Protein backbone atom coordinates (compact mmCIF):
# COMPACT_ATOMS: atom_id res chain seq x y z
CA MET A 1 28.98 46.74 35.68
CA ASN A 2 25.53 46.11 34.21
CA LEU A 3 23.15 48.76 35.58
CA SER A 4 20.23 46.38 36.23
CA PHE A 5 22.54 43.91 37.99
CA TYR A 6 24.07 46.70 40.11
CA ILE A 7 20.66 47.95 41.26
CA ALA A 8 19.43 44.40 41.92
CA ARG A 9 22.46 43.69 44.09
CA ARG A 10 21.86 46.89 46.08
CA TYR A 11 18.21 45.95 46.55
CA LEU A 12 19.17 42.49 47.80
CA LEU A 13 21.72 43.71 50.33
CA SER A 14 20.14 46.98 51.44
CA LYS A 15 17.61 47.34 54.22
CA LYS A 16 14.01 47.58 53.06
CA SER A 17 11.34 49.84 54.48
CA HIS A 18 9.50 46.78 55.77
CA ASN A 19 11.52 44.18 57.73
CA ALA A 20 9.14 41.48 56.47
CA ILE A 21 10.66 41.81 53.00
CA ASN A 22 14.14 41.14 54.41
CA TRP A 23 12.82 38.10 56.24
CA ILE A 24 11.02 36.74 53.19
CA SER A 25 14.14 37.26 51.04
CA GLY A 26 16.19 35.41 53.65
CA ILE A 27 13.64 32.59 53.78
CA SER A 28 13.78 32.36 49.98
CA VAL A 29 17.56 31.93 50.08
CA VAL A 30 17.25 29.35 52.86
CA GLY A 31 14.57 27.43 50.95
CA VAL A 32 16.69 27.20 47.81
CA ALA A 33 19.77 26.30 49.90
CA VAL A 34 17.95 23.50 51.74
CA ALA A 35 16.60 22.02 48.50
CA THR A 36 20.06 22.22 46.94
CA MET A 37 21.67 20.64 49.99
CA ALA A 38 19.11 17.80 49.84
CA LEU A 39 19.99 17.18 46.20
CA VAL A 40 23.74 17.04 46.96
CA VAL A 41 23.37 14.71 49.96
CA THR A 42 20.75 12.40 48.42
CA LEU A 43 22.54 11.91 45.10
CA SER A 44 25.85 11.40 46.92
CA VAL A 45 24.27 8.66 49.04
CA PHE A 46 22.97 6.95 45.89
CA ASN A 47 26.49 7.23 44.46
CA GLY A 48 27.85 5.66 47.65
CA PHE A 49 25.56 2.65 47.36
CA HIS A 50 26.36 2.37 43.63
CA ASP A 51 30.11 2.38 44.26
CA MET A 52 29.76 -0.05 47.16
CA VAL A 53 27.73 -2.57 45.14
CA LYS A 54 30.11 -2.17 42.22
CA SER A 55 33.08 -2.95 44.50
CA PHE A 56 31.38 -6.21 45.50
CA TYR A 57 30.76 -7.41 41.97
CA THR A 58 34.13 -6.34 40.59
CA THR A 59 35.90 -8.76 42.92
CA LEU A 60 34.65 -11.57 40.67
CA ASP A 61 33.84 -9.79 37.40
CA PRO A 62 36.65 -8.97 34.93
CA GLU A 63 37.22 -5.43 33.66
CA LEU A 64 35.96 -6.44 30.21
CA LYS A 65 34.11 -9.54 29.11
CA ILE A 66 33.54 -10.85 25.58
CA VAL A 67 30.43 -12.99 25.06
CA PRO A 68 28.83 -14.35 21.86
CA LYS A 69 25.81 -12.42 20.58
CA THR A 70 24.01 -15.67 19.72
CA GLY A 71 24.24 -18.99 21.50
CA LYS A 72 25.86 -19.81 24.83
CA THR A 73 29.28 -20.99 23.70
CA VAL A 74 31.82 -20.50 20.94
CA ALA A 75 35.03 -22.24 19.91
CA SER A 76 38.02 -20.98 21.89
CA ASP A 77 40.19 -21.08 18.75
CA ASP A 78 37.97 -18.57 16.89
CA PRO A 79 40.43 -16.39 14.90
CA LEU A 80 38.68 -13.23 16.14
CA LEU A 81 39.20 -14.20 19.76
CA MET A 82 42.78 -15.19 19.09
CA LYS A 83 43.50 -11.58 18.06
CA VAL A 84 42.19 -10.07 21.30
CA GLY A 85 45.28 -10.87 23.36
CA LYS A 86 47.44 -8.92 20.90
CA ILE A 87 45.39 -5.71 21.08
CA ASP A 88 47.24 -2.71 22.50
CA GLY A 89 46.20 -2.16 26.12
CA VAL A 90 45.18 -5.77 26.83
CA GLU A 91 47.34 -7.22 29.59
CA GLU A 92 45.84 -10.69 30.00
CA VAL A 93 42.97 -12.85 28.73
CA SER A 94 41.28 -15.75 30.46
CA GLU A 95 38.80 -18.29 29.13
CA CYS A 96 35.61 -19.19 31.00
CA LEU A 97 32.86 -21.78 30.53
CA GLU A 98 29.70 -21.44 32.55
CA ASP A 99 26.60 -23.63 32.77
CA GLN A 100 24.28 -25.19 35.33
CA ALA A 101 24.71 -28.49 37.13
CA LEU A 102 23.41 -30.40 40.14
CA LEU A 103 25.60 -30.64 43.24
CA VAL A 104 25.04 -33.44 45.75
CA TYR A 105 26.74 -33.76 49.13
CA GLY A 106 25.33 -36.33 51.49
CA ASP A 107 21.57 -35.82 51.66
CA ASN A 108 21.76 -32.25 50.36
CA GLN A 109 21.54 -31.17 46.76
CA LYS A 110 21.38 -27.88 44.86
CA VAL A 111 21.34 -26.69 41.25
CA VAL A 112 24.06 -24.09 40.76
CA SER A 113 25.93 -22.22 38.06
CA VAL A 114 29.31 -23.88 37.55
CA LYS A 115 31.94 -21.34 36.52
CA GLY A 116 34.91 -23.03 34.89
CA VAL A 117 38.00 -20.81 34.84
CA ASP A 118 41.67 -21.21 33.99
CA GLU A 119 44.72 -20.34 36.09
CA LYS A 120 44.79 -16.76 34.75
CA PHE A 121 41.43 -15.96 36.34
CA GLN A 122 43.14 -15.14 39.63
CA GLN A 123 45.19 -12.42 37.89
CA LEU A 124 42.18 -10.85 36.17
CA THR A 125 39.99 -10.42 39.25
CA ARG A 126 40.29 -9.68 42.96
CA VAL A 127 39.02 -13.12 43.93
CA ASP A 128 41.76 -13.50 46.55
CA SER A 129 40.17 -10.70 48.59
CA ILE A 130 36.88 -12.59 49.02
CA LEU A 131 38.22 -16.03 49.99
CA TYR A 132 37.59 -17.37 53.49
CA GLY A 133 39.11 -20.50 55.02
CA ASP A 134 42.49 -22.11 55.62
CA GLY A 135 43.26 -22.86 51.99
CA GLU A 136 43.97 -20.71 48.94
CA PHE A 137 42.76 -20.17 45.40
CA LYS A 138 43.63 -23.42 43.65
CA LEU A 139 41.92 -25.34 40.88
CA TRP A 140 43.83 -28.62 41.05
CA GLU A 141 45.39 -30.67 43.80
CA ASP A 142 47.98 -33.41 43.41
CA GLU A 143 46.86 -36.70 44.95
CA LEU A 144 48.76 -39.95 45.25
CA ASP A 145 47.64 -42.48 42.64
CA MET A 146 46.76 -45.49 44.80
CA GLU A 147 46.74 -47.92 41.87
CA ALA A 148 50.28 -46.87 40.97
CA ALA A 149 51.29 -47.05 44.63
CA GLU A 150 50.13 -50.65 44.82
CA ARG A 151 52.48 -51.37 41.93
CA GLY A 152 55.27 -49.72 43.86
CA GLU A 153 55.24 -46.57 41.73
CA MET A 154 55.17 -43.01 43.13
CA ALA A 155 52.73 -41.33 40.79
CA TYR A 156 50.34 -38.46 41.33
CA LYS A 157 47.15 -37.45 39.60
CA LYS A 158 45.46 -34.09 39.55
CA GLN A 159 42.10 -33.83 41.30
CA PRO A 160 39.75 -30.94 40.44
CA CYS A 161 39.02 -28.56 43.32
CA VAL A 162 35.94 -26.43 43.91
CA ILE A 163 35.55 -23.00 45.47
CA PRO A 164 31.87 -22.66 46.39
CA GLY A 165 29.97 -19.51 47.25
CA ILE A 166 29.37 -19.23 50.96
CA GLY A 167 25.61 -19.56 50.45
CA VAL A 168 26.04 -22.72 48.36
CA ALA A 169 28.31 -24.21 51.00
CA GLU A 170 25.75 -23.46 53.71
CA GLU A 171 22.86 -25.07 51.82
CA LEU A 172 24.90 -28.19 51.02
CA GLY A 173 26.25 -28.50 54.56
CA LEU A 174 29.84 -27.92 53.46
CA SER A 175 32.57 -26.31 55.50
CA ALA A 176 35.52 -24.52 53.91
CA MET A 177 37.40 -27.81 54.21
CA PHE A 178 35.24 -30.87 53.55
CA GLN A 179 36.41 -34.48 53.47
CA ASN A 180 34.19 -36.46 51.11
CA PRO A 181 34.09 -35.60 47.37
CA LEU A 182 31.33 -33.32 46.14
CA MET A 183 29.28 -35.06 43.45
CA VAL A 184 28.38 -33.10 40.30
CA TYR A 185 25.79 -34.10 37.69
CA ALA A 186 25.13 -32.49 34.30
CA PRO A 187 22.92 -33.70 31.41
CA GLN A 188 24.74 -35.30 28.52
CA ARG A 189 24.62 -33.29 25.31
CA GLU A 190 24.38 -36.27 23.00
CA GLY A 191 22.41 -39.49 23.01
CA GLN A 192 18.81 -40.30 23.87
CA PHE A 193 17.36 -40.10 27.35
CA ASP A 194 16.53 -43.57 28.75
CA ILE A 195 13.57 -43.24 31.09
CA ALA A 196 14.19 -46.73 32.41
CA ASN A 197 17.68 -45.75 33.53
CA PRO A 198 17.70 -41.94 33.89
CA THR A 199 21.12 -41.77 35.59
CA GLU A 200 22.74 -42.84 32.31
CA GLY A 201 21.70 -39.52 30.78
CA PHE A 202 23.98 -37.53 33.10
CA ASN A 203 27.69 -36.94 33.32
CA GLU A 204 28.91 -37.63 36.83
CA GLU A 205 32.07 -36.06 38.25
CA GLN A 206 33.69 -35.45 41.62
CA LEU A 207 35.09 -32.26 43.10
CA TYR A 208 37.44 -31.92 46.05
CA SER A 209 37.87 -29.23 48.67
CA SER A 210 40.19 -26.30 48.05
CA GLY A 211 39.94 -25.27 51.70
CA VAL A 212 38.18 -21.97 50.97
CA VAL A 213 34.80 -20.49 50.06
CA PHE A 214 34.17 -17.10 48.44
CA CYS A 215 31.83 -14.38 49.70
CA VAL A 216 30.91 -11.54 47.33
CA LYS A 217 28.16 -10.35 49.72
CA GLN A 218 25.70 -10.57 46.86
CA ALA A 219 23.21 -13.44 46.78
CA LYS A 220 23.45 -13.73 42.99
CA TYR A 221 26.95 -15.18 43.38
CA ASP A 222 27.15 -16.40 46.97
CA LYS A 223 24.05 -18.63 46.75
CA ASN A 224 24.30 -19.76 43.14
CA TYR A 225 27.91 -20.08 41.97
CA VAL A 226 30.85 -22.42 42.35
CA ILE A 227 34.28 -21.98 40.74
CA VAL A 228 35.91 -25.04 39.16
CA PRO A 229 38.78 -25.73 36.72
CA LEU A 230 38.03 -24.92 33.08
CA ASP A 231 39.06 -28.37 31.80
CA PHE A 232 36.79 -30.00 34.38
CA ALA A 233 33.83 -27.86 33.27
CA ARG A 234 34.45 -28.71 29.62
CA ARG A 235 34.49 -32.41 30.43
CA LEU A 236 31.38 -32.15 32.63
CA PHE A 237 29.33 -30.27 30.03
CA ASP A 238 30.72 -32.08 26.94
CA GLN A 239 32.10 -28.75 25.67
CA GLN A 240 35.69 -29.56 24.77
CA GLY A 241 37.46 -26.60 23.20
CA MET A 242 34.52 -24.26 23.88
CA LEU A 243 34.06 -21.19 26.04
CA SER A 244 31.11 -19.03 27.09
CA SER A 245 33.13 -15.86 27.69
CA LEU A 246 36.61 -14.40 27.31
CA ASN A 247 37.70 -12.29 30.27
CA ILE A 248 40.00 -9.30 29.73
CA LYS A 249 42.38 -7.47 32.06
CA VAL A 250 43.36 -3.99 30.87
CA LYS A 251 46.81 -2.53 31.45
CA ASP A 252 46.93 0.12 34.18
CA GLU A 253 48.12 2.85 31.81
CA ALA A 254 45.43 2.05 29.21
CA GLY A 255 41.89 3.36 29.54
CA ILE A 256 39.13 0.76 29.69
CA ALA A 257 36.93 2.75 27.29
CA SER A 258 39.66 2.99 24.63
CA VAL A 259 40.55 -0.71 24.93
CA GLU A 260 36.85 -1.58 24.69
CA ARG A 261 36.61 0.34 21.41
CA ARG A 262 39.65 -1.47 20.00
CA ILE A 263 38.25 -4.87 20.96
CA LYS A 264 34.87 -4.07 19.39
CA ALA A 265 36.64 -3.06 16.18
CA VAL A 266 38.37 -6.47 16.10
CA VAL A 267 35.54 -8.83 17.10
CA GLY A 268 32.91 -7.02 15.02
CA GLU A 269 29.22 -7.85 15.27
CA LYS A 270 29.72 -11.45 16.31
CA TYR A 271 30.47 -10.66 19.98
CA ASP A 272 29.38 -8.26 22.70
CA VAL A 273 32.06 -6.53 24.77
CA LEU A 274 30.76 -5.84 28.28
CA THR A 275 32.14 -3.51 30.93
CA GLN A 276 31.77 -4.38 34.62
CA GLU A 277 28.54 -2.37 34.87
CA GLU A 278 27.14 -3.96 31.71
CA GLN A 279 27.88 -7.41 33.13
CA GLN A 280 25.47 -6.57 35.97
CA GLU A 281 23.20 -4.37 33.86
CA ASP A 282 19.97 -5.23 35.70
CA VAL A 283 21.36 -4.25 39.11
CA PHE A 284 22.95 -0.96 38.06
CA LYS A 285 20.04 0.02 35.81
CA ILE A 286 17.67 -0.22 38.79
CA MET A 287 20.01 1.90 40.89
CA LYS A 288 20.25 4.54 38.16
CA VAL A 289 16.45 4.67 37.85
CA GLU A 290 16.11 5.09 41.63
CA LYS A 291 18.65 7.92 41.57
CA LEU A 292 16.82 9.60 38.67
CA ILE A 293 13.48 9.39 40.48
CA ALA A 294 15.02 10.90 43.62
CA TYR A 295 16.48 13.72 41.51
CA ILE A 296 13.10 14.44 39.91
CA PHE A 297 11.25 14.51 43.24
CA LEU A 298 13.82 16.80 44.84
CA THR A 299 13.68 19.09 41.80
CA PHE A 300 9.94 19.46 42.37
CA ILE A 301 10.68 20.39 45.99
CA LEU A 302 13.18 22.94 44.69
CA LEU A 303 10.47 24.35 42.43
CA VAL A 304 8.17 24.78 45.42
CA ALA A 305 10.97 26.53 47.30
CA CYS A 306 11.35 28.94 44.39
CA PHE A 307 7.77 30.15 44.92
CA ASN A 308 9.09 31.95 47.99
CA ILE A 309 11.26 33.99 45.62
CA ILE A 310 8.14 35.13 43.73
CA GLY A 311 6.56 36.32 46.99
CA SER A 312 9.72 38.13 47.97
CA LEU A 313 10.01 39.85 44.59
CA SER A 314 6.35 40.91 44.51
CA MET A 315 6.72 42.63 47.89
CA LEU A 316 10.03 44.17 46.79
CA ILE A 317 8.39 45.56 43.64
CA ILE A 318 5.71 47.23 45.76
CA ASP A 319 8.31 48.52 48.23
CA LYS A 320 10.43 50.04 45.45
CA LYS A 321 7.54 51.60 43.53
CA ASP A 322 8.84 55.12 44.15
CA ASP A 323 12.32 54.09 42.95
CA VAL A 324 10.80 52.76 39.76
CA VAL A 325 9.04 56.09 39.15
CA THR A 326 12.38 57.88 39.61
CA LEU A 327 14.16 55.50 37.23
CA ARG A 328 11.49 56.06 34.59
CA SER A 329 11.90 59.79 34.97
CA LEU A 330 15.59 59.26 34.24
CA GLY A 331 14.76 57.39 31.04
CA ALA A 332 14.49 53.75 32.15
CA ASP A 333 12.05 51.65 30.14
CA ASN A 334 9.94 48.65 31.20
CA LYS A 335 12.61 46.25 29.94
CA LEU A 336 15.24 47.70 32.29
CA ILE A 337 12.81 47.68 35.22
CA SER A 338 11.95 44.02 34.60
CA ARG A 339 15.64 43.10 34.34
CA ILE A 340 16.34 44.63 37.75
CA PHE A 341 13.86 42.36 39.49
CA LEU A 342 14.82 39.39 37.31
CA PHE A 343 18.40 39.80 38.46
CA GLU A 344 17.12 40.02 42.04
CA GLY A 345 15.44 36.62 41.68
CA ARG A 346 18.49 35.16 39.97
CA LEU A 347 20.77 36.41 42.73
CA ILE A 348 18.58 34.72 45.33
CA SER A 349 18.70 31.45 43.35
CA THR A 350 22.46 31.64 42.82
CA ILE A 351 23.27 32.49 46.44
CA GLY A 352 20.96 29.72 47.65
CA ALA A 353 22.58 27.25 45.24
CA VAL A 354 26.12 28.10 46.36
CA ILE A 355 25.24 27.95 50.07
CA GLY A 356 23.32 24.69 49.61
CA ILE A 357 26.16 23.02 47.69
CA ILE A 358 28.72 24.09 50.31
CA ILE A 359 26.60 22.80 53.21
CA GLY A 360 25.84 19.59 51.28
CA LEU A 361 29.52 18.94 50.62
CA VAL A 362 30.37 19.57 54.29
CA LEU A 363 27.67 17.11 55.41
CA CYS A 364 28.94 14.51 52.92
CA TRP A 365 32.49 14.94 54.24
CA ILE A 366 31.30 14.51 57.83
CA GLN A 367 29.40 11.34 56.89
CA GLN A 368 32.37 9.95 54.95
CA THR A 369 34.78 10.69 57.77
CA TYR A 370 32.76 9.89 60.88
CA GLY A 371 29.76 7.87 59.66
CA ILE A 372 27.32 9.88 61.80
CA ILE A 373 24.13 8.35 60.35
CA ALA A 374 24.16 4.58 60.87
CA LEU A 375 22.23 2.01 58.85
CA GLY A 376 21.16 0.02 61.89
CA SER A 377 20.91 0.26 65.65
CA SER A 378 24.01 -1.91 66.10
CA SER A 379 27.09 -2.59 64.01
CA GLY A 380 27.29 -5.75 61.94
CA ASN A 381 23.62 -5.83 60.91
CA PHE A 382 24.45 -4.67 57.39
CA VAL A 383 27.36 -4.90 54.98
CA VAL A 384 28.38 -1.39 56.07
CA ASP A 385 27.61 0.25 59.41
CA SER A 386 26.75 3.73 58.08
CA TYR A 387 25.31 5.23 54.93
CA PRO A 388 28.00 5.26 52.21
CA VAL A 389 28.61 8.61 50.51
CA SER A 390 30.44 9.35 47.28
CA VAL A 391 30.51 12.86 45.81
CA HIS A 392 30.75 13.01 42.01
CA ALA A 393 31.79 16.26 40.36
CA THR A 394 29.33 15.73 37.50
CA ASP A 395 26.45 15.57 39.98
CA ILE A 396 27.50 18.87 41.57
CA VAL A 397 27.58 20.53 38.15
CA ILE A 398 24.14 19.10 37.27
CA ILE A 399 22.68 20.20 40.61
CA PHE A 400 24.04 23.74 40.27
CA ALA A 401 22.71 24.00 36.71
CA THR A 402 19.34 22.60 37.80
CA VAL A 403 18.96 25.13 40.61
CA LEU A 404 19.85 28.02 38.31
CA VAL A 405 17.52 26.89 35.51
CA VAL A 406 14.60 26.19 37.84
CA GLY A 407 15.17 29.41 39.75
CA TYR A 408 15.52 31.56 36.65
CA LEU A 409 12.50 30.08 34.87
CA SER A 410 10.29 30.22 37.96
CA VAL A 411 10.71 33.99 38.31
CA TRP A 412 10.79 35.02 34.65
CA TYR A 413 7.08 35.25 33.90
CA PRO A 414 5.92 36.37 37.39
CA VAL A 415 8.46 39.23 37.44
CA ARG A 416 7.49 40.48 33.99
CA PHE A 417 3.81 40.27 34.91
CA LEU A 418 4.13 41.90 38.34
CA SER A 419 6.47 44.68 37.20
CA LYS A 420 3.91 45.71 34.59
CA ARG A 421 0.83 45.42 36.80
CA LEU A 422 2.19 46.89 40.02
CA VAL A 423 4.45 49.65 38.76
CA GLY A 424 3.22 50.06 35.22
């Protein structure tokens, strides 16, 4: 065993001539442990909110999404896009066309983002888990053709259905099942605008109830989006044969990162390939910045806690002055003496880090299991009743490394200075 480490360990565990030194050493360990525990708990709570928000968005966002780098739309028969479905690891692809339109129902109207999807969209997302009402996810409904019926023929025609966000439905006065058609207006892409007859410059279509609304629990979607059939959206926006994005579902056994790399190699520089977090980059970037700021502030608190170690070591150096004289008589140099007290400070940091991480993990487990700390005074006020917690192994490693680095650096210069001045 290293001699300086052995002596430092004995100094840490043995009784000192002054009880105050023992108390200060204990307080130093407690200070580091509390700061470490705060880092574990705080970062785990940020992880919990991150994972919770991600779970909301991923109900409607595909695992991977291909969008054009320039412009809003691209031809669906682009040879590059045609190759995507054949890439190893890709299970399914779905086309999507998205643009804005005006919805009118009775006296209510609202500009929304119309998301045109095909039948495969249901397989690519977890949209079924966010539907509310007596109906189901359907894009078309068969309706009796009255003109054919008058001729004595039994013929049906497909009517486009709409699945509105719950916020859109509320603002328009819609229930999950509404009777009258929902009117949709979108500007025509070609032709000149006639100010004398402005209605001629818009495409007008009707949408029918699917019997359900969706609720992502995020205002970005709930208050601004409606889901409609892809062919209907292309007709409404005069975008036949076009798409604004290609949605990808990855096979369970294939990694998303590896499939993403393969897709990028195929589509080249013409398209961006977005993961679920990149599709909501603004939201998750803000959350990451908040987590980083919390980490920095708590690291400063940890640095302050490490000052207690300096006080403890300075008193220990004075207390062990006679021991130092004996060691020098036995041939110990200043370097060995400094290492003894450096190891003492490092032991305090390490023990405090381990204790703090263990307590932090226990508190996170208690919160995950029992939800001790609630978000509000009564249940139902928020999306979740208690603070969400998610422990990430990478965070624990970073926290442990941070405590050791901060603790080691904070005592390095003071120990070298004090050991020379007080026992030199």
